[in-house]
Amino acid sequence: MGEKIVAGGFALSDRQRHREKLRQCLDAFARLLKEKRFERPKNLMGLEIELNLAGPDGMPRMLNDQVLERIASGDFQTELGQCNLEVNIVPHRMHGRVFDQLSEELRTGLAYADRKAGEVAAGIVMIGILPTLAADDLVPANLSRADRYRLLNDELLAARGEDFTIDIAGVERLTCTSASIAPEAACTSVQLHLQVTPRRFADVWNAAQAVAAVQIAVGANSPFLFGRELWRESRPPLFVQSTDTRSPELSAQGVRPRTWFGERWIDSAQDLFEENLRYFPPLLPISSDEDPMKVLDDGGAPHLSELTLHNGTIYRWNRPVYAVSDGVPHLRVENRVLPAGPTVADVIANTAFYYGLVRALCEQPRPVWTRLPFAMAAENFDVACRDGIEARLHWPRPGRGPSVARTPAVRLVLEELLPLAAAGLDAWGVEPTDRDRYLGVIAERCRRRTNGASWQSDTYHHTLATGRAREAARAAMTRRYCTLMRTGEPVHTWPVGAAG
């Protein structure tokens, strides 16, 4: 979706031609797999973080154009809402002191962006959902000023045929409607990319699906939305509902939502692209002049732009990515599970935990996905979103055949998954000092049962107890969050309470 798209409407023939081009792309993708034309592994990982803009009062600021103009760096880009930015870190090879390098690059880049945002009385906030956002902030007028966002909004709304309904029951209940996809802009995430060979793709994707709930449990950071305390990680239900093109009747029939966990373990990357075409009608039928089979016949690498565009409008929590770099195609798994923040140290700790754990799980003689029913992995994801660090998750018992037990997430992480993640980082060639520093952050979160979501909730209720009104308490908590975020100290060390 990063390409420039000019709104202009689509004819019936555009959609018919586009569907045929999608089939051609899928056939070409299958041929690429069969002929083994993909790039050899380089152990490359990438990182993107979506960010919020807020003023000194903790309230959202719709100023991304002005802030980006001042930052003047290609590393920072627009996101869906005018209160959002995204920062992209160049790919790094997974070895040595890679996580310290990432940490330094992030701290430097974010500090610079924060200074530039300060020139227009705003600041950078890394958080899953900005607690001070109101429904009136996320309306069509506050979508970013780029044609592709307006066009995507129009097509999603046309496909649904009525307002989007948000209905989330957590600690409190939120119900509202929206005449646009703008509420999706409340969701700001960390996206982790891992380049893989076709042979390894299915194992990496299955492992990422299996651990998605664990990532949420230890990393939840989005307990508030539009003035209500909801799930510990409220991004997933909000994302599902704010992009849901199904009418209630289609939902009742079992039609799949465009934001989707999935329904099975896979054997090949082609499984996911085939599902995309089988289950989801194209939203943006923009077709190129490329003949992918002719490009293959000529020895080239087709860009498969229709397939990649379609893939970009289906919001899997672990998404397959096809791309061409320097004339050679490659595959990536894009992990979209984690919320942004709270600090750079927390983001890098979540990153190290994910890459180490996925590597270790892929190398087990009896992989977890052969012992954990997919339906249980999907249930784990919902439970972790609701309960955060207090979640109890289904997980196979070690050495006991196919038996699965429900285990507290913190115990599972401390006793089983952190040692696996450490072994995985060793297999990547990560330095022990990096490994221990960042996995130690995850361990301390579990020991103290504290993550970004629990800190936000505890601080909010502590502030309410001082006599402040709800809105004032959320604003005070957000201001305190921003102050502590800028110290760089991980969230498990933060004192509860809003100063001042």
Protein backbone atom coordinates (compact mmCIF):
# COMPACT_ATOMS: atom_id res chain seq x y z
CA MET A 1 0.00 0.00 0.00
CA GLY A 2 3.02 2.29 0.04
CA GLU A 3 2.71 2.97 -3.71
CA LYS A 4 1.05 6.17 -4.90
CA ILE A 5 -2.59 5.51 -5.73
CA VAL A 6 -4.78 8.11 -7.36
CA ALA A 7 -8.47 7.96 -6.52
CA GLY A 8 -10.79 7.84 -9.47
CA GLY A 9 -13.22 4.98 -9.07
CA PHE A 10 -13.28 1.56 -10.73
CA ALA A 11 -15.31 0.14 -13.60
CA LEU A 12 -16.74 -3.38 -13.65
CA SER A 13 -14.16 -4.35 -16.27
CA ASP A 14 -11.37 -3.19 -13.91
CA ARG A 15 -12.47 -5.74 -11.33
CA GLN A 16 -12.78 -8.58 -13.84
CA ARG A 17 -9.35 -7.86 -15.31
CA HIS A 18 -7.83 -7.55 -11.85
CA ARG A 19 -9.18 -10.92 -10.74
CA GLU A 20 -7.62 -12.53 -13.79
CA LYS A 21 -4.31 -10.77 -13.11
CA LEU A 22 -4.40 -12.10 -9.54
CA ARG A 23 -4.74 -15.65 -10.85
CA GLN A 24 -1.79 -15.06 -13.20
CA CYS A 25 0.26 -13.73 -10.28
CA LEU A 26 -0.56 -16.77 -8.16
CA ASP A 27 0.48 -19.11 -11.00
CA ALA A 28 3.71 -17.16 -11.40
CA PHE A 29 4.34 -17.36 -7.65
CA ALA A 30 3.88 -21.14 -7.78
CA ARG A 31 6.36 -21.32 -10.64
CA LEU A 32 8.89 -19.21 -8.71
CA LEU A 33 8.61 -21.68 -5.84
CA LYS A 34 8.94 -24.71 -8.12
CA GLU A 35 11.96 -23.29 -9.96
CA LYS A 36 13.64 -22.16 -6.71
CA ARG A 37 14.27 -18.63 -7.91
CA PHE A 38 14.23 -16.99 -4.50
CA GLU A 39 17.16 -15.25 -2.85
CA ARG A 40 19.35 -17.32 -0.58
CA PRO A 41 19.00 -16.58 3.14
CA LYS A 42 20.84 -13.59 4.57
CA ASN A 43 19.47 -13.75 8.14
CA LEU A 44 17.97 -10.30 7.62
CA MET A 45 15.45 -8.78 10.03
CA GLY A 46 13.58 -5.48 9.83
CA LEU A 47 11.63 -3.28 12.22
CA GLU A 48 8.85 -0.72 11.80
CA ILE A 49 7.14 1.20 14.59
CA GLU A 50 3.91 3.18 14.32
CA LEU A 51 3.83 6.25 16.55
CA ASN A 52 1.39 8.76 18.02
CA LEU A 53 1.59 12.52 18.25
CA ALA A 54 0.44 14.17 21.48
CA GLY A 55 0.78 17.63 22.99
CA PRO A 56 2.23 18.54 26.40
CA ASP A 57 -1.30 18.11 27.80
CA GLY A 58 -1.32 14.45 26.68
CA MET A 59 -4.02 15.06 24.08
CA PRO A 60 -3.69 13.89 20.44
CA ARG A 61 -2.28 16.28 17.84
CA MET A 62 -3.34 15.99 14.16
CA LEU A 63 -0.09 17.33 12.74
CA ASN A 64 1.78 14.54 10.97
CA ASP A 65 2.29 16.59 7.78
CA GLN A 66 3.94 19.41 9.70
CA VAL A 67 6.06 17.07 11.80
CA LEU A 68 7.21 15.03 8.80
CA GLU A 69 8.15 18.23 6.96
CA ARG A 70 10.40 19.17 9.86
CA ILE A 71 11.89 15.68 10.29
CA ALA A 72 12.69 15.57 6.54
CA SER A 73 13.84 11.94 6.58
CA GLY A 74 12.75 9.02 4.44
CA ASP A 75 12.87 6.83 7.55
CA PHE A 76 9.66 8.51 8.78
CA GLN A 77 6.38 8.25 6.87
CA THR A 78 2.68 8.93 7.21
CA GLU A 79 0.27 6.41 8.64
CA LEU A 80 -3.52 6.24 8.43
CA GLY A 81 -4.37 9.09 10.83
CA GLN A 82 -2.97 12.60 11.05
CA CYS A 83 -2.00 11.79 14.65
CA ASN A 84 0.24 8.93 13.41
CA LEU A 85 3.75 8.49 12.02
CA GLU A 86 5.76 5.41 11.16
CA VAL A 87 9.51 4.92 11.50
CA ASN A 88 11.34 2.26 9.47
CA ILE A 89 14.70 0.86 10.55
CA VAL A 90 16.94 -0.44 7.75
CA PRO A 91 17.30 -4.25 7.71
CA HIS A 92 19.99 -5.72 9.94
CA ARG A 93 21.77 -9.04 9.88
CA MET A 94 20.88 -11.15 12.91
CA HIS A 95 24.18 -11.63 14.71
CA GLY A 96 26.58 -10.02 17.14
CA ARG A 97 25.36 -6.90 18.95
CA VAL A 98 22.43 -6.40 16.61
CA PHE A 99 19.96 -5.49 19.36
CA ASP A 100 22.19 -2.88 20.93
CA GLN A 101 22.69 -1.43 17.43
CA LEU A 102 18.94 -1.33 16.85
CA SER A 103 18.42 0.26 20.25
CA GLU A 104 20.92 3.02 19.56
CA GLU A 105 19.49 3.75 16.11
CA LEU A 106 15.96 3.89 17.49
CA ARG A 107 16.85 6.12 20.42
CA THR A 108 18.70 8.53 18.15
CA GLY A 109 15.98 8.64 15.50
CA LEU A 110 13.09 8.98 17.92
CA ALA A 111 14.82 11.67 19.97
CA TYR A 112 15.41 13.68 16.80
CA ALA A 113 11.79 13.23 15.69
CA ASP A 114 10.58 14.20 19.15
CA ARG A 115 12.60 17.42 19.04
CA LYS A 116 11.19 18.28 15.63
CA ALA A 117 7.65 17.53 16.78
CA GLY A 118 8.27 19.89 19.68
CA GLU A 119 8.56 22.75 17.21
CA VAL A 120 4.78 22.47 16.68
CA ALA A 121 3.96 21.75 20.35
CA ALA A 122 3.72 17.98 19.87
CA GLY A 123 5.71 14.96 20.94
CA ILE A 124 6.32 11.36 19.85
CA VAL A 125 4.48 8.73 21.91
CA MET A 126 5.13 4.98 21.60
CA ILE A 127 1.95 3.32 22.86
CA GLY A 128 -0.52 0.79 21.47
CA ILE A 129 -3.53 3.14 21.73
CA LEU A 130 -3.23 6.73 22.95
CA PRO A 131 -5.52 6.76 26.04
CA THR A 132 -6.71 10.32 25.43
CA LEU A 133 -8.08 9.68 21.94
CA ALA A 134 -11.80 10.30 21.62
CA ALA A 135 -14.14 8.98 18.95
CA ASP A 136 -14.48 12.54 17.62
CA ASP A 137 -10.72 12.60 16.94
CA LEU A 138 -10.90 9.70 14.47
CA VAL A 139 -13.18 10.92 11.71
CA PRO A 140 -12.65 11.13 7.92
CA ALA A 141 -11.34 14.70 8.14
CA ASN A 142 -8.43 13.45 10.25
CA LEU A 143 -7.24 10.74 7.86
CA SER A 144 -3.78 11.46 6.49
CA ARG A 145 -3.78 13.56 3.34
CA ALA A 146 -2.79 10.87 0.87
CA ASP A 147 -4.97 9.49 -1.91
CA ARG A 148 -4.30 5.86 -0.98
CA TYR A 149 -5.85 6.27 2.49
CA ARG A 150 -8.95 7.99 1.14
CA LEU A 151 -9.37 5.37 -1.56
CA LEU A 152 -8.90 2.49 0.89
CA ASN A 153 -11.47 4.08 3.20
CA ASP A 154 -13.97 4.50 0.36
CA GLU A 155 -13.57 0.93 -0.86
CA LEU A 156 -13.84 -0.65 2.62
CA LEU A 157 -16.92 1.43 3.37
CA ALA A 158 -18.49 0.57 0.01
CA ALA A 159 -17.80 -3.14 0.58
CA ARG A 160 -19.51 -2.98 3.98
CA GLY A 161 -22.42 -0.84 2.82
CA GLU A 162 -23.11 0.67 6.24
CA ASP A 163 -21.33 2.24 9.21
CA PHE A 164 -18.68 0.22 11.01
CA THR A 165 -19.74 -0.94 14.47
CA ILE A 166 -17.31 -1.02 17.39
CA ASP A 167 -18.51 -3.18 20.29
CA ILE A 168 -15.87 -4.33 22.79
CA ALA A 169 -16.72 -5.66 26.24
CA GLY A 170 -13.80 -5.70 28.66
CA VAL A 171 -13.39 -4.12 32.09
CA GLU A 172 -15.96 -1.69 30.72
CA ARG A 173 -17.94 -1.81 27.48
CA LEU A 174 -17.58 0.44 24.46
CA THR A 175 -20.19 0.63 21.72
CA CYS A 176 -20.09 3.17 18.91
CA THR A 177 -20.32 3.45 15.15
CA SER A 178 -18.10 5.08 12.56
CA ALA A 179 -18.75 6.23 9.00
CA SER A 180 -15.10 5.54 8.10
CA ILE A 181 -12.12 3.32 8.91
CA ALA A 182 -10.54 6.20 10.87
CA PRO A 183 -10.83 4.35 14.24
CA GLU A 184 -8.21 1.94 12.90
CA ALA A 185 -5.73 4.82 13.26
CA ALA A 186 -5.94 4.37 17.04
CA CYS A 187 -3.94 1.14 16.62
CA THR A 188 -0.17 1.67 16.57
CA SER A 189 2.04 -1.39 16.38
CA VAL A 190 5.53 -2.78 16.03
CA GLN A 191 6.07 -4.82 12.87
CA LEU A 192 8.89 -7.35 12.79
CA HIS A 193 10.13 -8.73 9.45
CA LEU A 194 12.18 -11.86 8.94
CA GLN A 195 13.45 -12.86 5.50
CA VAL A 196 13.16 -16.62 5.02
CA THR A 197 13.64 -19.21 2.30
CA PRO A 198 10.54 -20.84 0.80
CA ARG A 199 11.56 -24.11 2.45
CA ARG A 200 11.56 -22.49 5.90
CA PHE A 201 8.59 -20.19 5.40
CA ALA A 202 5.87 -22.50 6.70
CA ASP A 203 7.82 -23.39 9.85
CA VAL A 204 8.53 -19.73 10.63
CA TRP A 205 4.90 -18.68 10.03
CA ASN A 206 3.55 -21.57 12.12
CA ALA A 207 5.96 -20.76 14.94
CA ALA A 208 4.99 -17.08 14.81
CA GLN A 209 1.31 -18.00 15.01
CA ALA A 210 1.94 -20.30 17.96
CA VAL A 211 3.72 -17.60 19.98
CA ALA A 212 1.47 -14.65 19.05
CA ALA A 213 -0.50 -15.03 22.29
CA VAL A 214 2.69 -15.10 24.35
CA GLN A 215 3.89 -11.92 22.63
CA ILE A 216 0.63 -10.20 23.57
CA ALA A 217 0.64 -11.50 27.14
CA VAL A 218 4.06 -10.07 27.96
CA GLY A 219 3.84 -7.00 25.68
CA ALA A 220 0.24 -5.73 26.00
CA ASN A 221 0.08 -1.93 26.03
CA SER A 222 -3.42 -0.87 24.87
CA PRO A 223 -5.99 -1.06 27.69
CA PHE A 224 -7.96 2.14 26.88
CA LEU A 225 -10.03 3.23 23.91
CA PHE A 226 -12.34 6.24 23.57
CA GLY A 227 -12.60 6.79 27.31
CA ARG A 228 -13.23 3.15 28.27
CA GLU A 229 -10.99 0.53 29.89
CA LEU A 230 -11.38 -2.56 27.71
CA TRP A 231 -9.03 -5.47 27.01
CA ARG A 232 -5.39 -5.41 28.10
CA GLU A 233 -4.57 -5.35 24.37
CA SER A 234 -7.55 -3.68 22.70
CA ARG A 235 -5.90 -3.21 19.28
CA PRO A 236 -6.92 -6.60 17.83
CA PRO A 237 -10.68 -6.34 18.44
CA LEU A 238 -10.64 -2.71 17.33
CA PHE A 239 -8.69 -3.57 14.16
CA VAL A 240 -11.06 -6.44 13.35
CA GLN A 241 -14.17 -4.30 13.74
CA SER A 242 -12.88 -1.10 12.14
CA THR A 243 -11.97 -2.95 8.91
CA ASP A 244 -14.85 -5.45 8.89
CA THR A 245 -16.50 -5.39 5.47
CA ARG A 246 -19.02 -8.06 6.50
CA SER A 247 -22.61 -7.20 7.28
CA PRO A 248 -23.99 -8.91 10.41
CA GLU A 249 -25.67 -11.45 8.13
CA LEU A 250 -22.41 -12.37 6.36
CA SER A 251 -20.66 -12.62 9.71
CA ALA A 252 -23.38 -15.01 10.93
CA GLN A 253 -22.79 -17.14 7.82
CA GLY A 254 -19.15 -17.59 8.79
CA VAL A 255 -17.59 -15.27 6.18
CA ARG A 256 -14.04 -14.48 7.28
CA PRO A 257 -13.08 -10.95 8.40
CA ARG A 258 -10.26 -9.14 6.59
CA THR A 259 -8.37 -8.88 9.89
CA TRP A 260 -7.75 -12.52 10.54
CA PHE A 261 -5.77 -14.84 12.77
CA GLY A 262 -6.23 -17.72 10.33
CA GLU A 263 -7.74 -21.16 10.71
CA ARG A 264 -4.98 -23.74 10.12
CA TRP A 265 -1.29 -24.47 10.17
CA ILE A 266 0.28 -24.24 6.71
CA ASP A 267 2.68 -26.27 4.56
CA SER A 268 3.82 -23.52 2.18
CA ALA A 269 3.72 -19.76 1.65
CA GLN A 270 1.46 -20.47 -1.30
CA ASP A 271 -1.24 -21.65 1.12
CA LEU A 272 -1.66 -18.10 2.44
CA PHE A 273 -1.72 -16.37 -0.94
CA GLU A 274 -4.23 -18.93 -2.22
CA GLU A 275 -6.45 -18.29 0.81
CA ASN A 276 -6.26 -14.55 0.12
CA LEU A 277 -7.65 -15.06 -3.37
CA ARG A 278 -10.18 -17.70 -2.36
CA TYR A 279 -11.75 -15.86 0.56
CA PHE A 280 -11.31 -12.11 0.03
CA PRO A 281 -12.53 -10.01 -2.90
CA PRO A 282 -10.05 -7.37 -4.06
CA LEU A 283 -10.64 -3.92 -2.62
CA LEU A 284 -8.35 -1.99 -4.95
CA PRO A 285 -8.53 -3.49 -8.48
CA ILE A 286 -5.50 -1.60 -9.80
CA SER A 287 -3.76 -3.65 -12.50
CA SER A 288 -0.30 -3.21 -13.95
CA ASP A 289 0.88 -3.95 -17.47
CA GLU A 290 3.30 -6.63 -16.27
CA ASP A 291 2.88 -10.11 -17.78
CA PRO A 292 4.38 -12.19 -14.94
CA MET A 293 4.79 -15.37 -17.00
CA LYS A 294 6.59 -13.52 -19.79
CA VAL A 295 8.91 -11.93 -17.23
CA LEU A 296 9.70 -15.43 -15.92
CA ASP A 297 10.22 -16.78 -19.45
CA ASP A 298 12.71 -13.96 -20.04
CA GLY A 299 14.62 -14.88 -16.88
CA GLY A 300 13.41 -11.93 -14.82
CA ALA A 301 11.69 -11.56 -11.47
CA PRO A 302 8.06 -10.40 -11.70
CA HIS A 303 6.90 -7.86 -9.13
CA LEU A 304 3.43 -9.47 -8.86
CA SER A 305 2.04 -6.06 -7.95
CA GLU A 306 -1.60 -7.19 -7.97
CA LEU A 307 -0.84 -10.03 -5.56
CA THR A 308 1.15 -7.81 -3.20
CA LEU A 309 -1.48 -5.04 -3.28
CA HIS A 310 -4.25 -7.52 -2.48
CA ASN A 311 -2.13 -9.04 0.29
CA GLY A 312 -1.74 -5.55 1.78
CA THR A 313 -5.51 -5.24 2.29
CA ILE A 314 -5.81 -8.49 4.28
CA TYR A 315 -4.63 -7.88 7.81
CA ARG A 316 -3.20 -11.14 9.11
CA TRP A 317 -1.36 -10.89 12.43
CA ASN A 318 1.46 -12.78 10.71
CA ARG A 319 1.45 -11.74 7.09
CA PRO A 320 3.34 -13.26 4.15
CA VAL A 321 5.34 -10.72 2.14
CA TYR A 322 6.67 -11.17 -1.39
CA ALA A 323 9.10 -8.55 -2.68
CA VAL A 324 11.84 -8.09 -5.27
CA SER A 325 15.16 -6.56 -4.25
CA ASP A 326 17.98 -5.94 -6.74
CA GLY A 327 16.14 -8.06 -9.27
CA VAL A 328 15.83 -11.11 -7.00
CA PRO A 329 12.57 -12.16 -5.28
CA HIS A 330 12.43 -12.95 -1.57
CA LEU A 331 9.90 -13.91 1.08
CA ARG A 332 9.36 -12.44 4.54
CA VAL A 333 7.15 -13.17 7.50
CA GLU A 334 5.78 -9.87 8.85
CA ASN A 335 4.82 -10.17 12.52
CA ARG A 336 2.16 -7.51 13.30
CA VAL A 337 1.17 -8.67 16.78
CA LEU A 338 2.91 -6.25 19.14
CA PRO A 339 1.77 -2.79 20.24
CA ALA A 340 4.24 0.08 20.13
CA GLY A 341 6.20 0.98 23.26
CA PRO A 342 6.45 1.61 26.08
CA THR A 343 10.21 2.37 25.66
CA VAL A 344 12.95 1.55 23.20
CA ALA A 345 14.29 -0.99 25.72
CA ASP A 346 10.88 -2.69 25.86
CA VAL A 347 10.52 -2.73 22.07
CA ILE A 348 13.96 -4.29 21.61
CA ALA A 349 13.29 -6.82 24.37
CA ASN A 350 10.06 -7.88 22.63
CA THR A 351 12.01 -8.08 19.36
CA ALA A 352 14.78 -10.27 20.80
CA PHE A 353 12.24 -12.56 22.49
CA TYR A 354 10.31 -13.04 19.24
CA TYR A 355 13.28 -13.76 16.97
CA GLY A 356 14.94 -16.07 19.47
CA LEU A 357 11.76 -17.99 20.21
CA VAL A 358 10.75 -18.44 16.58
CA ARG A 359 14.23 -19.73 15.67
CA ALA A 360 14.22 -22.24 18.52
CA LEU A 361 10.69 -23.49 17.84
CA CYS A 362 11.50 -24.04 14.16
CA GLU A 363 14.38 -26.33 15.12
CA GLN A 364 12.52 -28.54 17.59
CA PRO A 365 12.26 -32.20 16.50
CA ARG A 366 8.53 -32.16 17.38
CA PRO A 367 7.39 -28.60 16.61
CA VAL A 368 4.77 -27.06 18.84
CA TRP A 369 2.31 -26.71 15.96
CA THR A 370 2.24 -30.51 15.58
CA ARG A 371 1.12 -30.78 19.22
CA LEU A 372 -1.10 -27.70 19.68
CA PRO A 373 -4.44 -27.64 17.80
CA PHE A 374 -4.75 -24.48 15.73
CA ALA A 375 -8.08 -23.66 17.38
CA MET A 376 -6.29 -23.53 20.73
CA ALA A 377 -3.65 -21.16 19.33
CA ALA A 378 -6.45 -18.87 18.12
CA GLU A 379 -8.18 -19.08 21.51
CA ASN A 380 -4.86 -18.29 23.22
CA PHE A 381 -4.61 -15.10 21.15
CA ASP A 382 -8.02 -13.84 22.30
CA VAL A 383 -7.34 -14.79 25.93
CA ALA A 384 -3.99 -12.96 25.91
CA CYS A 385 -5.60 -9.86 24.41
CA ARG A 386 -8.24 -9.86 27.14
CA ASP A 387 -6.06 -10.71 30.14
CA GLY A 388 -2.54 -9.60 29.21
CA ILE A 389 0.15 -10.70 31.62
CA GLU A 390 -2.42 -12.54 33.76
CA ALA A 391 -3.45 -14.79 30.84
CA ARG A 392 -3.52 -18.57 31.11
CA LEU A 393 -2.63 -20.21 27.81
CA HIS A 394 -2.95 -23.67 26.28
CA TRP A 395 0.47 -25.19 25.69
CA PRO A 396 1.77 -28.73 25.09
CA ARG A 397 3.23 -30.40 28.14
CA PRO A 398 6.92 -31.18 27.57
CA GLY A 399 7.64 -34.87 27.14
CA ARG A 400 4.04 -35.99 27.64
CA GLY A 401 2.88 -36.84 24.15
CA PRO A 402 0.01 -34.82 22.68
CA SER A 403 -1.33 -33.61 26.06
CA VAL A 404 -2.07 -29.87 26.28
CA ALA A 405 -2.57 -27.96 29.55
CA ARG A 406 -3.61 -24.42 30.41
CA THR A 407 -0.65 -22.65 32.03
CA PRO A 408 -0.13 -19.11 33.40
CA ALA A 409 1.68 -17.15 30.70
CA VAL A 410 4.30 -15.85 33.14
CA ARG A 411 5.20 -19.38 34.26
CA LEU A 412 5.30 -20.64 30.67
CA VAL A 413 7.65 -17.81 29.69
CA LEU A 414 9.96 -18.07 32.70
CA GLU A 415 10.24 -21.85 32.83
CA GLU A 416 10.09 -22.88 29.19
CA LEU A 417 10.06 -20.12 26.58
CA LEU A 418 12.86 -17.83 27.79
CA PRO A 419 15.42 -20.69 27.75
CA LEU A 420 14.22 -21.53 24.24
CA ALA A 421 14.54 -17.89 23.15
CA ALA A 422 18.07 -17.76 24.56
CA ALA A 423 19.01 -20.88 22.59
CA GLY A 424 17.46 -19.37 19.47
CA LEU A 425 19.48 -16.17 19.81
CA ASP A 426 22.61 -18.26 20.28
CA ALA A 427 21.77 -20.07 17.05
CA TRP A 428 21.48 -16.69 15.28
CA GLY A 429 24.94 -15.76 16.58
CA VAL A 430 23.74 -12.96 18.86
CA GLU A 431 26.27 -11.89 21.51
CA PRO A 432 25.48 -13.20 25.03
CA THR A 433 25.48 -9.67 26.47
CA ASP A 434 22.74 -8.63 24.05
CA ARG A 435 20.84 -11.85 24.65
CA ASP A 436 20.90 -11.57 28.44
CA ARG A 437 20.17 -7.84 28.61
CA TYR A 438 17.00 -7.93 26.55
CA LEU A 439 15.63 -11.32 27.57
CA GLY A 440 16.22 -10.14 31.14
CA VAL A 441 13.65 -7.38 30.54
CA ILE A 442 11.05 -10.02 29.59
CA ALA A 443 11.94 -12.09 32.65
CA GLU A 444 11.50 -9.12 35.00
CA ARG A 445 8.13 -8.24 33.48
CA CYS A 446 6.98 -11.77 34.23
CA ARG A 447 8.40 -11.84 37.76
CA ARG A 448 6.74 -8.52 38.60
CA ARG A 449 3.62 -9.24 36.49
CA THR A 450 3.98 -5.78 34.98
CA ASN A 451 3.76 -4.63 31.38
CA GLY A 452 2.60 -1.44 29.70
CA ALA A 453 -1.09 -2.31 29.99
CA SER A 454 -0.96 -3.16 33.69
CA TRP A 455 1.04 0.01 34.43
CA GLN A 456 -1.48 2.17 32.55
CA SER A 457 -4.44 0.59 34.33
CA ASP A 458 -2.84 0.71 37.79
CA THR A 459 -1.77 4.33 37.35
CA TYR A 460 -5.18 5.35 36.04
CA HIS A 461 -6.98 3.82 39.02
CA HIS A 462 -4.41 5.23 41.44
CA THR A 463 -5.08 8.68 39.94
CA LEU A 464 -8.84 8.22 40.10
CA ALA A 465 -8.48 7.46 43.80
CA THR A 466 -6.99 10.93 44.34
CA GLY A 467 -10.32 12.42 43.31
CA ARG A 468 -9.71 13.31 39.67
CA ALA A 469 -12.42 12.84 37.07
CA ARG A 470 -12.02 10.04 34.54
CA GLU A 471 -10.88 12.22 31.64
CA ALA A 472 -8.42 14.14 33.83
CA ALA A 473 -7.06 10.86 35.24
CA ARG A 474 -6.43 9.45 31.74
CA ALA A 475 -4.70 12.66 30.68
CA ALA A 476 -2.54 12.70 33.81
CA MET A 477 -1.64 9.05 33.30
CA THR A 478 -0.73 9.74 29.66
CA ARG A 479 1.50 12.68 30.60
CA ARG A 480 3.28 10.52 33.20
CA TYR A 481 3.66 7.74 30.63
CA CYS A 482 5.31 10.18 28.21
CA THR A 483 7.72 11.40 30.90
CA LEU A 484 8.77 7.89 31.88
CA MET A 485 8.94 6.76 28.23
CA ARG A 486 11.55 9.42 27.56
CA THR A 487 13.76 8.14 30.41
CA GLY A 488 14.26 4.93 28.43
CA GLU A 489 13.90 2.76 31.54
CA PRO A 490 11.80 -0.38 30.85
CA VAL A 491 8.21 -0.32 32.02
CA HIS A 492 8.59 -2.91 34.78
CA THR A 493 10.72 -0.34 36.68
CA TRP A 494 8.15 2.48 36.47
CA PRO A 495 6.53 3.64 39.71
CA VAL A 496 2.73 3.55 39.69
CA GLY A 497 1.00 6.90 39.92
CA ALA A 498 0.72 10.15 37.98
CA ALA A 499 3.02 12.77 39.41
CA GLY A 500 1.66 16.26 39.95
